[in-house]
Amino acid sequence: MSVKVDPNLMKELKHFGLKDANKCFHCGNCTAVCPLSTPENPFPRKLVKYAQMGLKDKILAAPEPWLCYYCGDCSDRCPRGADPGETMMAMRRYLTAQYDWTGFARRFYTSEAFEVIAVSVVAMIIGLAFMIFHGEVITDRVALNTFAPNWIIEILDWIMAVVLSTVLLSNALRCAQFVFGQDLLFKIPIKYYIGEAKDGIINFLVQKKFSECDDRMQWYIHLLLFTGYVSMFTMVVVGLRWLQRDYVIDPAWPTVTFLMTVVGWYATLAIMYASSYALWGRYKKSKAPYKNSHGTDWMFLVLLWLTSFTGILVHLAIWFEAPLFCYVIYVIHLMVAIPMLVLEVPFAKWAHLAYRPLVLYLMAVKNRYMAEEAKAA
């Protein structure tokens, strides 16, 4: 079988953050020290070699970039300074762009100017929409649901969720087709997919393989970000009519709004602490995963931090009965949150929330199927 070589692959990968892969002479140190590398998946060295040789199709079909959590052990112990951990990170950006049929992901990862302009344009559209369509501004008390009726925001929220989910799921299908191949994806009986579903869900929720890395702090930070984001996202999508209210504790729904307040504070503190830790780490270049920061890394963390910060300010404005401040900060909150959701979730850093657990799940399905096929033979 012939192998197609792309002589421009290394040059293309540099647009996605690849820097030092040419320094690698394949001593194997990175594969030896990686706690997640196995005889079946000897990464990251194999992927570095694919990049050097221009084997684009091999990279597109490789699950290994998604098996790496970038703990940084391989980069710390590389005698040549080839930074294999960052190579894997660059490949994840590259693969995210390959999965995306719209082309937006490629533009985000290869042009910082495009990313900044796109975020700014979406933010300005949101701000302009509120300037034109906002409800009555009541100043003697907080009346957020008069200024921006929650039932209207909820409908718009659902529309946005459907559109984003459709784009992300279509990209996830492309990911599955690249990793599995069109034939194998639909050849494996459904029972294998069902059989691995439980472990797939558990891995999605707690990223248990990540906890096997030596630097468990990275796992804790990731877990805080994930649980904080999922908690808030769930409340926004499922319970916005109770989340967006005119009182700290709504007298009509005291139990529900109290629980939402508690979960909201957890989500805010978890996201702000974790994103602050990551931002400070990237600023100080304190450890291997933070030594090389792509523009999308900064944008993701800044938007996430600002979304949480402005969100809690809205809550405090209601608490301290500051109506004008509440309305203004609410608009600013959406000017930050909506660009993050519309652009970051399907096209940039946040997309790995879908791709990594999906690939891990598919590999578990494939391994189980292959093992039983071998037994039958």
Protein backbone atom coordinates (compact mmCIF):
# COMPACT_ATOMS: atom_id res chain seq x y z
CA MET A 1 0.00 0.00 0.00
CA SER A 2 1.42 3.37 -1.01
CA VAL A 3 2.03 6.09 1.55
CA LYS A 4 1.37 9.71 0.61
CA VAL A 5 3.93 12.22 1.87
CA ASP A 6 3.12 15.90 2.35
CA PRO A 7 6.42 17.84 2.18
CA ASN A 8 4.73 20.97 3.54
CA LEU A 9 3.26 19.33 6.64
CA MET A 10 5.89 20.62 9.09
CA LYS A 11 5.51 24.12 7.70
CA GLU A 12 1.73 23.90 8.06
CA LEU A 13 1.95 22.58 11.62
CA LYS A 14 4.07 25.58 12.60
CA HIS A 15 1.00 27.76 12.02
CA PHE A 16 -0.66 25.73 14.77
CA GLY A 17 2.14 26.23 17.28
CA LEU A 18 4.70 23.55 16.35
CA LYS A 19 8.20 24.77 17.21
CA ASP A 20 10.94 22.30 18.06
CA ALA A 21 9.93 18.94 16.56
CA ASN A 22 12.90 19.03 14.16
CA LYS A 23 15.24 18.71 17.15
CA CYS A 24 13.98 15.20 17.91
CA PHE A 25 16.36 12.34 17.03
CA HIS A 26 14.03 9.62 18.39
CA CYS A 27 15.87 8.50 21.48
CA GLY A 28 12.55 7.29 22.91
CA ASN A 29 12.84 9.09 26.26
CA CYS A 30 9.43 10.73 25.85
CA THR A 31 7.66 7.44 25.22
CA ALA A 32 9.53 5.77 28.07
CA VAL A 33 8.54 8.36 30.70
CA CYS A 34 4.94 8.94 29.59
CA PRO A 35 2.66 7.21 32.13
CA LEU A 36 -0.10 6.91 29.53
CA SER A 37 1.98 5.44 26.71
CA THR A 38 1.46 1.72 26.05
CA PRO A 39 2.99 -0.83 23.65
CA GLU A 40 -0.15 -0.41 21.53
CA ASN A 41 0.05 3.40 21.60
CA PRO A 42 3.72 4.41 21.93
CA PHE A 43 3.36 8.15 21.91
CA PRO A 44 4.49 10.87 21.59
CA ARG A 45 7.57 9.77 19.60
CA LYS A 46 5.52 8.08 16.89
CA LEU A 47 3.58 11.26 16.18
CA VAL A 48 6.75 13.34 16.07
CA LYS A 49 8.09 10.97 13.44
CA TYR A 50 4.89 11.23 11.41
CA ALA A 51 5.25 15.01 11.40
CA GLN A 52 8.91 14.89 10.36
CA MET A 53 8.13 12.47 7.53
CA GLY A 54 5.11 14.42 6.28
CA LEU A 55 2.64 11.60 6.94
CA LYS A 56 -0.50 13.72 7.09
CA ASP A 57 -2.94 10.83 6.65
CA LYS A 58 -1.31 8.95 9.53
CA ILE A 59 -1.77 11.96 11.80
CA LEU A 60 -5.40 12.40 10.75
CA ALA A 61 -6.12 8.78 11.67
CA ALA A 62 -4.07 8.81 14.89
CA PRO A 63 -5.89 8.77 18.23
CA GLU A 64 -2.69 9.43 20.19
CA PRO A 65 -2.83 13.26 20.23
CA TRP A 66 -6.10 12.95 22.16
CA LEU A 67 -4.68 10.36 24.54
CA CYS A 68 -2.11 12.94 25.70
CA TYR A 69 -3.12 15.31 28.53
CA TYR A 70 0.07 17.39 28.33
CA CYS A 71 1.35 16.73 31.85
CA GLY A 72 4.76 17.84 30.53
CA ASP A 73 6.91 14.90 31.73
CA CYS A 74 8.09 14.16 28.20
CA SER A 75 9.07 17.78 27.54
CA ASP A 76 10.87 18.12 30.89
CA ARG A 77 13.00 15.04 30.20
CA CYS A 78 13.71 15.52 26.50
CA PRO A 79 17.53 15.77 26.14
CA ARG A 80 17.22 17.73 22.90
CA GLY A 81 14.60 20.27 23.99
CA ALA A 82 12.26 19.05 21.25
CA ASP A 83 9.25 19.64 23.51
CA PRO A 84 7.17 16.62 22.44
CA GLY A 85 4.32 17.69 24.72
CA GLU A 86 3.88 20.93 22.79
CA THR A 87 4.12 18.96 19.54
CA MET A 88 1.13 16.92 20.66
CA MET A 89 -0.69 20.14 21.59
CA ALA A 90 0.00 21.61 18.14
CA MET A 91 -1.35 18.44 16.56
CA ARG A 92 -4.57 18.72 18.58
CA ARG A 93 -5.04 22.24 17.21
CA TYR A 94 -4.29 20.98 13.72
CA LEU A 95 -6.73 18.08 14.06
CA THR A 96 -9.44 20.37 15.43
CA ALA A 97 -9.06 22.44 12.26
CA GLN A 98 -9.20 19.32 10.08
CA TYR A 99 -12.39 18.09 11.73
CA ASP A 100 -14.14 21.44 11.27
CA TRP A 101 -15.90 21.61 7.90
CA THR A 102 -16.65 25.33 8.21
CA GLY A 103 -13.01 26.45 8.10
CA PHE A 104 -13.43 28.72 11.13
CA ALA A 105 -11.18 26.61 13.35
CA ARG A 106 -8.28 26.93 10.91
CA ARG A 107 -8.69 30.70 10.81
CA PHE A 108 -8.82 30.87 14.60
CA TYR A 109 -5.65 28.85 15.05
CA THR A 110 -3.62 30.40 12.25
CA SER A 111 -4.54 34.08 12.67
CA GLU A 112 -4.62 35.85 16.03
CA ALA A 113 -5.99 38.94 14.31
CA PHE A 114 -8.94 36.95 12.96
CA GLU A 115 -9.68 35.54 16.41
CA VAL A 116 -9.61 38.96 18.08
CA ILE A 117 -11.74 40.54 15.34
CA ALA A 118 -14.27 37.68 15.41
CA VAL A 119 -14.68 37.89 19.19
CA SER A 120 -14.96 41.69 19.02
CA VAL A 121 -17.56 41.62 16.23
CA VAL A 122 -19.79 39.12 18.05
CA ALA A 123 -19.46 41.15 21.27
CA MET A 124 -20.41 44.38 19.49
CA ILE A 125 -23.43 42.72 17.85
CA ILE A 126 -24.67 41.61 21.28
CA GLY A 127 -24.11 45.08 22.75
CA LEU A 128 -25.86 46.77 19.82
CA ALA A 129 -28.81 44.36 20.05
CA PHE A 130 -29.33 45.29 23.70
CA MET A 131 -29.06 49.00 22.93
CA ILE A 132 -31.90 48.62 20.42
CA PHE A 133 -34.14 45.93 21.87
CA HIS A 134 -33.78 46.12 25.66
CA GLY A 135 -36.91 46.33 27.78
CA GLU A 136 -37.94 49.04 30.22
CA VAL A 137 -35.16 50.33 32.48
CA ILE A 138 -36.56 50.40 36.01
CA THR A 139 -34.25 52.23 38.42
CA ASP A 140 -36.03 52.11 41.78
CA ARG A 141 -35.41 48.36 42.10
CA VAL A 142 -33.70 45.54 40.24
CA ALA A 143 -36.01 44.31 37.47
CA LEU A 144 -33.62 42.33 35.29
CA ASN A 145 -36.41 40.27 33.75
CA THR A 146 -38.12 43.47 32.64
CA PHE A 147 -34.92 44.81 31.10
CA ALA A 148 -34.19 41.43 29.45
CA PRO A 149 -37.12 39.00 29.82
CA ASN A 150 -35.76 35.59 30.71
CA TRP A 151 -38.24 33.74 28.51
CA ILE A 152 -36.90 35.57 25.44
CA ILE A 153 -33.30 34.99 26.49
CA GLU A 154 -34.15 31.32 27.08
CA ILE A 155 -35.57 30.88 23.57
CA LEU A 156 -32.51 32.54 22.03
CA ASP A 157 -30.35 30.38 24.27
CA TRP A 158 -31.99 27.20 23.00
CA ILE A 159 -31.61 28.30 19.38
CA MET A 160 -27.92 28.97 19.98
CA ALA A 161 -27.51 25.61 21.74
CA VAL A 162 -29.12 23.74 18.82
CA VAL A 163 -26.94 25.49 16.23
CA LEU A 164 -23.71 25.00 18.21
CA SER A 165 -24.56 21.37 18.99
CA THR A 166 -25.26 20.67 15.32
CA VAL A 167 -21.91 22.13 14.25
CA LEU A 168 -19.98 20.38 17.02
CA LEU A 169 -21.69 17.02 16.46
CA SER A 170 -21.07 17.18 12.71
CA ASN A 171 -17.40 17.90 13.41
CA ALA A 172 -17.34 15.07 15.96
CA LEU A 173 -18.65 12.71 13.27
CA ARG A 174 -15.80 13.79 10.99
CA CYS A 175 -13.40 13.12 13.88
CA ALA A 176 -14.82 9.60 14.26
CA GLN A 177 -14.54 8.97 10.53
CA PHE A 178 -10.89 10.08 10.48
CA VAL A 179 -9.92 7.98 13.51
CA PHE A 180 -12.01 4.89 12.78
CA GLY A 181 -12.35 4.97 9.03
CA GLN A 182 -15.73 5.08 7.31
CA ASP A 183 -16.04 1.29 7.01
CA LEU A 184 -15.11 0.30 10.56
CA LEU A 185 -17.23 3.03 12.16
CA PHE A 186 -20.45 1.49 10.85
CA LYS A 187 -19.23 -2.11 10.72
CA ILE A 188 -18.86 -2.60 14.48
CA PRO A 189 -22.13 -3.92 16.01
CA ILE A 190 -24.06 -1.58 18.27
CA LYS A 191 -23.57 -3.86 21.29
CA TYR A 192 -19.91 -2.83 21.51
CA TYR A 193 -20.83 0.85 21.59
CA ILE A 194 -23.39 0.18 24.31
CA GLY A 195 -20.94 -1.98 26.26
CA GLU A 196 -18.36 0.80 26.49
CA ALA A 197 -20.84 3.63 27.09
CA LYS A 198 -20.59 3.52 30.90
CA ASP A 199 -16.79 3.85 30.95
CA GLY A 200 -17.04 6.50 28.25
CA ILE A 201 -19.36 8.62 30.37
CA ILE A 202 -17.20 8.19 33.48
CA ASN A 203 -14.10 9.22 31.55
CA PHE A 204 -15.92 12.25 30.15
CA LEU A 205 -16.92 13.34 33.64
CA VAL A 206 -13.70 12.76 35.60
CA GLN A 207 -10.92 12.27 32.99
CA LYS A 208 -9.55 9.40 35.08
CA LYS A 209 -6.59 8.76 32.75
CA PHE A 210 -5.47 12.33 33.38
CA SER A 211 -5.22 11.52 37.10
CA GLU A 212 -2.51 8.95 36.30
CA CYS A 213 -0.07 11.69 35.32
CA ASP A 214 2.64 12.49 37.89
CA ASP A 215 1.60 16.15 38.17
CA ARG A 216 -1.89 15.65 39.58
CA MET A 217 -2.31 19.40 40.09
CA GLN A 218 -3.01 19.73 36.37
CA TRP A 219 -5.81 17.18 36.73
CA TYR A 220 -7.30 19.04 39.72
CA ILE A 221 -7.26 22.33 37.79
CA HIS A 222 -8.81 20.69 34.75
CA LEU A 223 -11.49 19.06 36.92
CA LEU A 224 -12.37 22.40 38.52
CA LEU A 225 -12.71 24.04 35.10
CA PHE A 226 -14.78 21.18 33.75
CA THR A 227 -17.17 20.81 36.69
CA GLY A 228 -17.57 24.57 37.01
CA TYR A 229 -18.31 25.01 33.33
CA VAL A 230 -20.67 22.03 33.04
CA SER A 231 -22.58 23.11 36.17
CA MET A 232 -23.12 26.62 34.85
CA PHE A 233 -23.83 25.47 31.29
CA THR A 234 -26.48 23.04 32.55
CA MET A 235 -28.21 25.74 34.59
CA VAL A 236 -28.17 28.16 31.65
CA VAL A 237 -29.55 25.66 29.13
CA VAL A 238 -32.01 23.81 31.36
CA GLY A 239 -32.97 26.32 34.03
CA LEU A 240 -32.40 29.86 32.76
CA ARG A 241 -35.89 30.94 33.86
CA TRP A 242 -34.82 30.28 37.47
CA LEU A 243 -31.17 31.28 37.07
CA GLN A 244 -31.93 34.75 35.68
CA ARG A 245 -34.14 36.37 38.30
CA ASP A 246 -34.80 39.64 40.09
CA TYR A 247 -34.06 38.28 43.57
CA VAL A 248 -31.16 36.40 45.13
CA ILE A 249 -33.72 33.88 46.40
CA ASP A 250 -36.94 33.98 44.41
CA PRO A 251 -39.90 33.75 46.84
CA ALA A 252 -41.85 31.78 44.23
CA TRP A 253 -39.07 29.18 43.90
CA PRO A 254 -37.04 29.34 47.14
CA THR A 255 -35.55 25.83 47.12
CA VAL A 256 -34.65 25.81 43.43
CA THR A 257 -33.10 29.28 43.46
CA PHE A 258 -31.19 28.57 46.68
CA LEU A 259 -29.65 25.45 45.12
CA MET A 260 -28.85 27.39 41.95
CA THR A 261 -27.17 30.09 44.03
CA VAL A 262 -24.97 27.51 45.77
CA VAL A 263 -24.06 25.76 42.51
CA GLY A 264 -23.49 29.12 40.83
CA TRP A 265 -21.04 30.21 43.51
CA TYR A 266 -19.20 26.89 43.24
CA ALA A 267 -19.01 27.17 39.46
CA THR A 268 -17.79 30.77 39.62
CA LEU A 269 -15.11 30.14 42.24
CA ALA A 270 -13.98 26.91 40.54
CA ILE A 271 -13.65 28.54 37.12
CA MET A 272 -12.03 31.73 38.41
CA TYR A 273 -9.49 29.87 40.55
CA ALA A 274 -8.60 27.36 37.84
CA SER A 275 -8.39 29.93 35.05
CA SER A 276 -6.36 32.30 37.28
CA TYR A 277 -3.96 29.46 38.07
CA ALA A 278 -3.55 28.69 34.37
CA LEU A 279 -3.19 32.36 33.37
CA TRP A 280 -0.55 32.96 36.03
CA GLY A 281 1.24 29.76 35.04
CA ARG A 282 1.33 30.83 31.39
CA TYR A 283 2.52 34.31 32.35
CA LYS A 284 5.32 32.91 34.53
CA LYS A 285 5.97 29.88 32.26
CA SER A 286 6.01 27.89 35.49
CA LYS A 287 5.83 24.38 34.03
CA ALA A 288 6.07 22.57 30.70
CA PRO A 289 2.40 22.88 29.69
CA TYR A 290 2.58 26.64 30.25
CA LYS A 291 5.91 27.42 28.58
CA ASN A 292 4.48 27.79 25.08
CA SER A 293 1.20 29.67 24.90
CA HIS A 294 -0.78 29.97 21.68
CA GLY A 295 -3.05 32.96 21.14
CA THR A 296 -6.11 30.72 21.48
CA ASP A 297 -4.90 29.59 24.92
CA TRP A 298 -4.90 33.16 26.19
CA MET A 299 -8.23 34.04 24.56
CA PHE A 300 -9.96 30.99 25.99
CA LEU A 301 -8.77 31.60 29.55
CA VAL A 302 -9.44 35.35 29.48
CA LEU A 303 -12.98 34.91 28.15
CA LEU A 304 -13.67 32.16 30.67
CA TRP A 305 -12.42 34.29 33.57
CA LEU A 306 -14.33 37.38 32.44
CA THR A 307 -17.52 35.39 31.91
CA SER A 308 -17.37 34.08 35.47
CA PHE A 309 -16.38 37.44 36.95
CA THR A 310 -19.10 39.44 35.21
CA GLY A 311 -21.64 36.72 36.00
CA ILE A 312 -21.01 36.93 39.73
CA LEU A 313 -21.13 40.73 39.53
CA VAL A 314 -24.67 40.46 38.16
CA HIS A 315 -25.56 38.29 41.15
CA LEU A 316 -23.98 40.78 43.57
CA ALA A 317 -25.77 43.69 41.90
CA ILE A 318 -29.08 41.93 42.58
CA TRP A 319 -27.98 41.17 46.13
CA PHE A 320 -27.04 44.80 46.89
CA GLU A 321 -29.97 46.21 44.89
CA ALA A 322 -28.00 48.20 42.32
CA PRO A 323 -30.35 48.22 39.29
CA LEU A 324 -28.41 50.32 36.76
CA PHE A 325 -25.15 48.56 37.52
CA CYS A 326 -26.99 45.23 37.23
CA TYR A 327 -28.31 45.99 33.73
CA VAL A 328 -24.99 47.32 32.45
CA ILE A 329 -22.92 44.44 33.82
CA TYR A 330 -25.52 41.96 32.52
CA VAL A 331 -25.02 43.26 28.98
CA ILE A 332 -21.24 43.16 29.40
CA HIS A 333 -21.54 39.61 30.74
CA LEU A 334 -23.36 38.47 27.60
CA MET A 335 -20.91 40.39 25.39
CA VAL A 336 -18.20 38.16 26.85
CA ALA A 337 -20.08 34.89 27.34
CA ILE A 338 -21.72 34.63 23.92
CA PRO A 339 -18.50 35.06 21.88
CA MET A 340 -16.91 32.42 24.10
CA LEU A 341 -19.76 29.99 23.48
CA VAL A 342 -20.31 30.75 19.79
CA LEU A 343 -16.63 30.75 18.82
CA GLU A 344 -14.58 28.88 21.41
CA VAL A 345 -16.84 25.85 21.94
CA PRO A 346 -17.16 24.54 18.36
CA PHE A 347 -14.03 26.00 16.77
CA ALA A 348 -11.22 26.51 19.28
CA LYS A 349 -9.82 25.34 22.61
CA TRP A 350 -13.13 24.25 24.13
CA ALA A 351 -13.78 21.79 21.26
CA HIS A 352 -11.51 19.23 22.92
CA LEU A 353 -14.34 18.79 25.42
CA ALA A 354 -15.98 16.68 22.70
CA TYR A 355 -13.05 15.24 20.77
CA ARG A 356 -10.93 13.76 23.57
CA PRO A 357 -13.63 11.69 25.32
CA LEU A 358 -15.05 10.70 21.94
CA VAL A 359 -11.72 9.33 20.70
CA LEU A 360 -11.06 7.52 23.99
CA TYR A 361 -14.51 5.97 23.81
CA LEU A 362 -14.10 4.92 20.18
CA MET A 363 -10.71 3.36 20.89
CA ALA A 364 -12.21 1.35 23.76
CA VAL A 365 -14.98 0.15 21.42
CA LYS A 366 -12.46 -0.74 18.72
CA ASN A 367 -10.13 -2.60 21.10
CA ARG A 368 -13.00 -4.65 22.53
CA TYR A 369 -14.30 -5.49 19.07
CA MET A 370 -10.86 -6.46 17.77
CA ALA A 371 -10.16 -8.61 20.84
CA GLU A 372 -13.39 -10.56 20.41
CA GLU A 373 -12.83 -10.91 16.68
CA ALA A 374 -9.37 -12.35 17.38
CA LYS A 375 -10.86 -14.86 19.84
CA ALA A 376 -13.47 -15.93 17.31
CA ALA A 377 -10.78 -16.47 14.68
